[in-house]
N, C-alpha and C. Protein backbone atom coordinates (compact mmCIF):
# COMPACT_ATOMS: atom_id res chain seq x y z
N MET A 1 -230.02 -122.13 -30.44
CA MET A 1 -228.85 -121.27 -30.41
C MET A 1 -229.06 -120.15 -31.43
N GLU A 2 -228.69 -118.97 -31.01
CA GLU A 2 -228.81 -117.80 -31.88
C GLU A 2 -227.84 -117.91 -33.06
N PRO A 3 -228.26 -117.44 -34.26
CA PRO A 3 -227.35 -117.47 -35.41
C PRO A 3 -226.05 -116.70 -35.16
N ASP A 4 -226.13 -115.60 -34.41
CA ASP A 4 -224.92 -114.82 -34.12
C ASP A 4 -223.93 -115.63 -33.27
N THR A 5 -224.45 -116.41 -32.35
CA THR A 5 -223.58 -117.27 -31.53
C THR A 5 -222.88 -118.29 -32.41
N LYS A 6 -223.64 -118.93 -33.30
CA LYS A 6 -223.04 -119.93 -34.20
C LYS A 6 -221.96 -119.28 -35.06
N HIS A 7 -222.22 -118.06 -35.52
CA HIS A 7 -221.23 -117.34 -36.33
C HIS A 7 -219.95 -117.09 -35.52
N ARG A 8 -220.11 -116.69 -34.26
CA ARG A 8 -218.95 -116.43 -33.40
C ARG A 8 -218.18 -117.73 -33.11
N VAL A 9 -218.90 -118.82 -32.93
CA VAL A 9 -218.25 -120.13 -32.75
C VAL A 9 -217.44 -120.47 -33.99
N ASP A 10 -218.02 -120.23 -35.17
CA ASP A 10 -217.30 -120.50 -36.42
C ASP A 10 -216.05 -119.64 -36.54
N LEU A 11 -216.14 -118.37 -36.14
CA LEU A 11 -214.96 -117.49 -36.18
C LEU A 11 -213.86 -118.02 -35.27
N ALA A 12 -214.23 -118.44 -34.07
CA ALA A 12 -213.25 -118.99 -33.13
C ALA A 12 -212.63 -120.27 -33.68
N ALA A 13 -213.45 -121.13 -34.24
CA ALA A 13 -212.95 -122.40 -34.79
C ALA A 13 -211.98 -122.14 -35.94
N ARG A 14 -212.36 -121.24 -36.83
CA ARG A 14 -211.50 -120.93 -37.97
C ARG A 14 -210.16 -120.36 -37.50
N ALA A 15 -210.21 -119.46 -36.52
CA ALA A 15 -208.98 -118.85 -35.99
C ALA A 15 -208.09 -119.91 -35.35
N ALA A 16 -208.69 -120.82 -34.59
CA ALA A 16 -207.91 -121.88 -33.95
C ALA A 16 -207.27 -122.79 -34.99
N LEU A 17 -208.04 -123.16 -36.00
CA LEU A 17 -207.50 -124.05 -37.04
C LEU A 17 -206.40 -123.36 -37.84
N ASP A 18 -206.51 -122.05 -38.02
CA ASP A 18 -205.46 -121.30 -38.72
C ASP A 18 -204.13 -121.39 -37.97
N LYS A 19 -204.18 -121.58 -36.66
CA LYS A 19 -202.97 -121.73 -35.85
C LYS A 19 -202.66 -123.21 -35.58
N LEU A 20 -203.25 -124.07 -36.41
CA LEU A 20 -202.99 -125.52 -36.39
C LEU A 20 -203.44 -126.21 -35.11
N ALA A 21 -204.54 -125.72 -34.53
CA ALA A 21 -205.14 -126.42 -33.39
C ALA A 21 -205.54 -127.82 -33.85
N THR A 22 -205.49 -128.76 -32.93
CA THR A 22 -205.86 -130.13 -33.26
C THR A 22 -207.13 -130.54 -32.51
N ASP A 23 -207.78 -131.56 -33.03
CA ASP A 23 -208.95 -132.18 -32.38
C ASP A 23 -210.01 -131.15 -31.98
N LEU A 24 -210.32 -130.23 -32.87
CA LEU A 24 -211.30 -129.20 -32.55
C LEU A 24 -212.71 -129.79 -32.55
N VAL A 25 -213.44 -129.48 -31.49
CA VAL A 25 -214.83 -129.91 -31.33
C VAL A 25 -215.63 -128.72 -30.83
N ALA A 26 -216.83 -128.55 -31.37
CA ALA A 26 -217.76 -127.54 -30.87
C ALA A 26 -219.02 -128.26 -30.39
N LEU A 27 -219.46 -127.91 -29.19
CA LEU A 27 -220.62 -128.56 -28.58
C LEU A 27 -221.70 -127.54 -28.27
N ASP A 28 -222.95 -127.92 -28.51
CA ASP A 28 -224.10 -127.10 -28.13
C ASP A 28 -224.49 -127.51 -26.72
N VAL A 29 -224.16 -126.68 -25.75
CA VAL A 29 -224.44 -126.99 -24.34
C VAL A 29 -225.65 -126.20 -23.81
N SER A 30 -226.39 -125.57 -24.72
CA SER A 30 -227.48 -124.67 -24.31
C SER A 30 -228.60 -125.38 -23.54
N GLU A 31 -228.81 -126.66 -23.78
CA GLU A 31 -229.86 -127.39 -23.06
C GLU A 31 -229.39 -127.83 -21.67
N HIS A 32 -228.09 -127.74 -21.41
CA HIS A 32 -227.53 -128.23 -20.14
C HIS A 32 -226.99 -127.12 -19.24
N LEU A 33 -226.68 -125.97 -19.82
CA LEU A 33 -226.12 -124.85 -19.05
C LEU A 33 -226.91 -123.58 -19.32
N ALA A 34 -227.19 -122.84 -18.28
CA ALA A 34 -227.89 -121.57 -18.44
C ALA A 34 -226.92 -120.43 -18.74
N LEU A 35 -225.64 -120.63 -18.45
CA LEU A 35 -224.66 -119.55 -18.55
C LEU A 35 -224.10 -119.34 -19.94
N THR A 36 -224.11 -120.36 -20.79
CA THR A 36 -223.52 -120.24 -22.11
C THR A 36 -224.22 -121.21 -23.05
N ASP A 37 -224.03 -121.00 -24.36
CA ASP A 37 -224.71 -121.84 -25.35
C ASP A 37 -223.80 -122.88 -25.99
N ALA A 38 -222.50 -122.62 -26.04
CA ALA A 38 -221.62 -123.53 -26.77
C ALA A 38 -220.23 -123.56 -26.15
N PHE A 39 -219.56 -124.66 -26.39
CA PHE A 39 -218.14 -124.81 -26.06
C PHE A 39 -217.39 -125.04 -27.37
N VAL A 40 -216.23 -124.42 -27.49
CA VAL A 40 -215.27 -124.75 -28.53
C VAL A 40 -214.08 -125.32 -27.78
N ILE A 41 -213.71 -126.55 -28.10
CA ILE A 41 -212.62 -127.23 -27.41
C ILE A 41 -211.58 -127.61 -28.46
N CYS A 42 -210.32 -127.26 -28.20
CA CYS A 42 -209.25 -127.63 -29.12
C CYS A 42 -207.94 -127.78 -28.36
N SER A 43 -206.96 -128.34 -29.04
CA SER A 43 -205.67 -128.63 -28.40
C SER A 43 -204.52 -127.98 -29.14
N GLY A 44 -203.46 -127.72 -28.37
CA GLY A 44 -202.18 -127.30 -28.92
C GLY A 44 -201.11 -128.28 -28.45
N ARG A 45 -200.07 -128.42 -29.24
CA ARG A 45 -199.02 -129.40 -28.91
C ARG A 45 -198.08 -128.93 -27.81
N ASN A 46 -198.00 -127.61 -27.62
CA ASN A 46 -197.12 -127.08 -26.58
C ASN A 46 -197.68 -125.74 -26.09
N GLU A 47 -197.06 -125.19 -25.05
CA GLU A 47 -197.57 -123.97 -24.44
C GLU A 47 -197.57 -122.79 -25.42
N ARG A 48 -196.55 -122.71 -26.24
CA ARG A 48 -196.47 -121.61 -27.20
C ARG A 48 -197.61 -121.68 -28.21
N GLN A 49 -197.92 -122.89 -28.67
CA GLN A 49 -199.02 -123.02 -29.62
C GLN A 49 -200.37 -122.71 -28.94
N VAL A 50 -200.54 -123.16 -27.71
CA VAL A 50 -201.77 -122.83 -26.97
C VAL A 50 -201.94 -121.31 -26.91
N ASP A 51 -200.88 -120.59 -26.56
CA ASP A 51 -200.95 -119.13 -26.49
C ASP A 51 -201.27 -118.52 -27.85
N ALA A 52 -200.69 -119.05 -28.92
CA ALA A 52 -200.95 -118.53 -30.27
C ALA A 52 -202.41 -118.76 -30.66
N ILE A 53 -202.96 -119.90 -30.32
CA ILE A 53 -204.37 -120.19 -30.62
C ILE A 53 -205.27 -119.23 -29.86
N VAL A 54 -204.98 -119.03 -28.58
CA VAL A 54 -205.77 -118.11 -27.75
C VAL A 54 -205.73 -116.70 -28.34
N ASP A 55 -204.55 -116.23 -28.69
CA ASP A 55 -204.43 -114.89 -29.27
C ASP A 55 -205.23 -114.77 -30.56
N ALA A 56 -205.18 -115.81 -31.40
CA ALA A 56 -205.91 -115.79 -32.67
C ALA A 56 -207.42 -115.75 -32.44
N ILE A 57 -207.90 -116.50 -31.48
CA ILE A 57 -209.34 -116.48 -31.18
C ILE A 57 -209.76 -115.11 -30.67
N GLU A 58 -208.95 -114.52 -29.79
CA GLU A 58 -209.29 -113.19 -29.25
C GLU A 58 -209.32 -112.13 -30.35
N ARG A 59 -208.44 -112.26 -31.34
CA ARG A 59 -208.43 -111.30 -32.45
C ARG A 59 -209.62 -111.51 -33.38
N ALA A 60 -210.02 -112.76 -33.57
CA ALA A 60 -211.05 -113.09 -34.56
C ALA A 60 -212.48 -112.84 -34.08
N VAL A 61 -212.72 -113.02 -32.80
CA VAL A 61 -214.09 -112.91 -32.27
C VAL A 61 -214.33 -111.49 -31.78
N PRO A 62 -215.38 -110.84 -32.30
CA PRO A 62 -215.67 -109.47 -31.85
C PRO A 62 -216.00 -109.43 -30.35
N GLY A 63 -215.55 -108.38 -29.71
CA GLY A 63 -215.81 -108.20 -28.29
C GLY A 63 -214.71 -108.77 -27.43
N VAL A 64 -214.68 -108.31 -26.22
CA VAL A 64 -213.67 -108.76 -25.25
C VAL A 64 -214.25 -109.91 -24.45
N PRO A 65 -213.47 -110.96 -24.19
CA PRO A 65 -214.00 -112.05 -23.36
C PRO A 65 -214.44 -111.53 -21.99
N VAL A 66 -215.55 -112.06 -21.51
CA VAL A 66 -216.05 -111.71 -20.19
C VAL A 66 -215.05 -112.15 -19.13
N ARG A 67 -214.46 -113.31 -19.37
CA ARG A 67 -213.50 -113.87 -18.42
C ARG A 67 -212.43 -114.63 -19.21
N ARG A 68 -211.22 -114.58 -18.66
CA ARG A 68 -210.09 -115.27 -19.28
C ARG A 68 -209.28 -115.89 -18.16
N GLU A 69 -209.10 -117.20 -18.21
CA GLU A 69 -208.35 -117.89 -17.15
C GLU A 69 -207.28 -118.78 -17.75
N GLY A 70 -206.15 -118.89 -17.05
CA GLY A 70 -205.10 -119.83 -17.42
C GLY A 70 -204.07 -119.33 -18.40
N LYS A 71 -204.14 -118.08 -18.81
CA LYS A 71 -203.21 -117.58 -19.84
C LYS A 71 -201.75 -117.69 -19.39
N GLY A 72 -201.47 -117.53 -18.13
CA GLY A 72 -200.10 -117.56 -17.64
C GLY A 72 -199.42 -118.91 -17.76
N THR A 73 -200.20 -119.98 -17.70
CA THR A 73 -199.60 -121.32 -17.71
C THR A 73 -199.47 -121.90 -19.11
N GLY A 74 -200.37 -121.54 -20.01
CA GLY A 74 -200.33 -122.09 -21.36
C GLY A 74 -200.70 -123.56 -21.43
N ARG A 75 -201.35 -124.06 -20.40
CA ARG A 75 -201.74 -125.48 -20.37
C ARG A 75 -203.22 -125.66 -20.66
N TRP A 76 -204.05 -124.79 -20.10
CA TRP A 76 -205.49 -124.81 -20.35
C TRP A 76 -205.96 -123.37 -20.20
N VAL A 77 -206.34 -122.77 -21.30
CA VAL A 77 -206.83 -121.40 -21.28
C VAL A 77 -208.31 -121.42 -21.60
N LEU A 78 -209.08 -120.74 -20.78
CA LEU A 78 -210.52 -120.64 -20.95
C LEU A 78 -210.84 -119.20 -21.33
N LEU A 79 -211.55 -119.02 -22.44
CA LEU A 79 -212.01 -117.70 -22.87
C LEU A 79 -213.53 -117.72 -22.84
N ASP A 80 -214.12 -116.96 -21.94
CA ASP A 80 -215.58 -116.91 -21.81
C ASP A 80 -216.09 -115.67 -22.53
N PHE A 81 -216.75 -115.88 -23.67
CA PHE A 81 -217.30 -114.78 -24.44
C PHE A 81 -218.77 -114.53 -24.12
N GLY A 82 -219.29 -115.19 -23.09
CA GLY A 82 -220.68 -115.04 -22.71
C GLY A 82 -221.56 -116.05 -23.41
N ASP A 83 -221.71 -115.90 -24.73
CA ASP A 83 -222.56 -116.83 -25.48
C ASP A 83 -221.86 -118.15 -25.79
N PHE A 84 -220.54 -118.15 -25.74
CA PHE A 84 -219.79 -119.40 -25.89
C PHE A 84 -218.49 -119.31 -25.10
N VAL A 85 -217.92 -120.47 -24.81
CA VAL A 85 -216.66 -120.56 -24.08
C VAL A 85 -215.68 -121.36 -24.92
N ALA A 86 -214.48 -120.82 -25.11
CA ALA A 86 -213.42 -121.54 -25.82
C ALA A 86 -212.47 -122.14 -24.78
N HIS A 87 -212.22 -123.42 -24.91
CA HIS A 87 -211.26 -124.13 -24.07
C HIS A 87 -210.09 -124.51 -24.98
N VAL A 88 -208.93 -123.93 -24.74
CA VAL A 88 -207.74 -124.27 -25.51
C VAL A 88 -206.80 -124.98 -24.55
N GLN A 89 -206.54 -126.25 -24.83
CA GLN A 89 -205.81 -127.08 -23.89
C GLN A 89 -204.55 -127.67 -24.51
N HIS A 90 -203.53 -127.80 -23.69
CA HIS A 90 -202.36 -128.59 -24.05
C HIS A 90 -202.86 -130.02 -24.23
N ALA A 91 -202.27 -130.75 -25.14
CA ALA A 91 -202.74 -132.11 -25.44
C ALA A 91 -202.82 -133.00 -24.20
N GLU A 92 -201.88 -132.84 -23.27
CA GLU A 92 -201.89 -133.67 -22.05
C GLU A 92 -203.10 -133.35 -21.17
N GLU A 93 -203.42 -132.07 -21.02
CA GLU A 93 -204.60 -131.67 -20.23
C GLU A 93 -205.87 -132.14 -20.92
N ARG A 94 -205.87 -132.06 -22.23
CA ARG A 94 -207.05 -132.48 -23.00
C ARG A 94 -207.35 -133.96 -22.74
N ALA A 95 -206.31 -134.78 -22.78
CA ALA A 95 -206.51 -136.22 -22.54
C ALA A 95 -206.93 -136.49 -21.10
N PHE A 96 -206.35 -135.76 -20.16
CA PHE A 96 -206.64 -136.00 -18.74
C PHE A 96 -208.06 -135.58 -18.37
N TYR A 97 -208.47 -134.37 -18.76
CA TYR A 97 -209.78 -133.85 -18.34
C TYR A 97 -210.93 -134.34 -19.23
N ASP A 98 -210.65 -134.66 -20.48
CA ASP A 98 -211.62 -135.28 -21.39
C ASP A 98 -212.99 -134.61 -21.33
N LEU A 99 -213.03 -133.32 -21.65
CA LEU A 99 -214.27 -132.56 -21.59
C LEU A 99 -215.36 -133.15 -22.48
N GLU A 100 -214.99 -133.73 -23.61
CA GLU A 100 -216.00 -134.32 -24.48
C GLU A 100 -216.76 -135.44 -23.78
N ARG A 101 -216.08 -136.19 -22.94
CA ARG A 101 -216.75 -137.27 -22.20
C ARG A 101 -217.73 -136.67 -21.20
N LEU A 102 -217.32 -135.59 -20.53
CA LEU A 102 -218.20 -134.95 -19.55
C LEU A 102 -219.47 -134.39 -20.20
N TRP A 103 -219.35 -133.93 -21.43
CA TRP A 103 -220.46 -133.31 -22.14
C TRP A 103 -220.93 -134.17 -23.31
N LYS A 104 -220.80 -135.49 -23.18
CA LYS A 104 -221.10 -136.41 -24.29
C LYS A 104 -222.55 -136.37 -24.73
N ASP A 105 -223.46 -135.91 -23.88
CA ASP A 105 -224.87 -135.85 -24.24
C ASP A 105 -225.22 -134.60 -25.06
N CYS A 106 -224.27 -133.72 -25.23
CA CYS A 106 -224.51 -132.48 -25.98
C CYS A 106 -224.24 -132.71 -27.46
N PRO A 107 -225.11 -132.16 -28.31
CA PRO A 107 -224.88 -132.32 -29.75
C PRO A 107 -223.65 -131.55 -30.20
N ARG A 108 -222.97 -132.13 -31.17
CA ARG A 108 -221.81 -131.46 -31.77
C ARG A 108 -222.28 -130.47 -32.82
N LEU A 109 -221.58 -129.36 -32.89
CA LEU A 109 -221.88 -128.35 -33.90
C LEU A 109 -220.93 -128.54 -35.07
N GLU A 110 -221.45 -128.37 -36.25
CA GLU A 110 -220.60 -128.42 -37.43
C GLU A 110 -219.83 -127.11 -37.52
N VAL A 111 -218.52 -127.21 -37.69
CA VAL A 111 -217.68 -126.02 -37.79
C VAL A 111 -216.81 -126.14 -39.04
N PRO A 112 -216.33 -125.01 -39.55
CA PRO A 112 -215.46 -125.06 -40.72
C PRO A 112 -214.21 -125.88 -40.42
N ASP A 113 -213.79 -126.66 -41.39
CA ASP A 113 -212.60 -127.50 -41.16
C ASP A 113 -211.36 -126.92 -41.80
N GLU A 114 -211.44 -125.75 -42.36
CA GLU A 114 -210.27 -125.09 -42.93
C GLU A 114 -210.27 -123.63 -42.56
């Protein structure tokens, strides 16, 4: 993974945690996906918090996301920055879809915890 990608993942993680995102996990998916290098996965307790986390990530990470899906529902928002994808999920969607289980073979990335 490129150092710049890791830096952008750290920026997204820090922004999400600043908005009190829970259960934040970053995964290196570069060996399994050709389209992106990392996932940042985190949860919000309600739709308003999910939206606040998404807005904070968009402000913190340089550049405009290549793709943005789910913003209208506030249940699962995907921000595709090209080199990494941020998944911000309502806690119920997070438990149901369990992305960490799907990508359990991918190494976890160390991210700032504050």
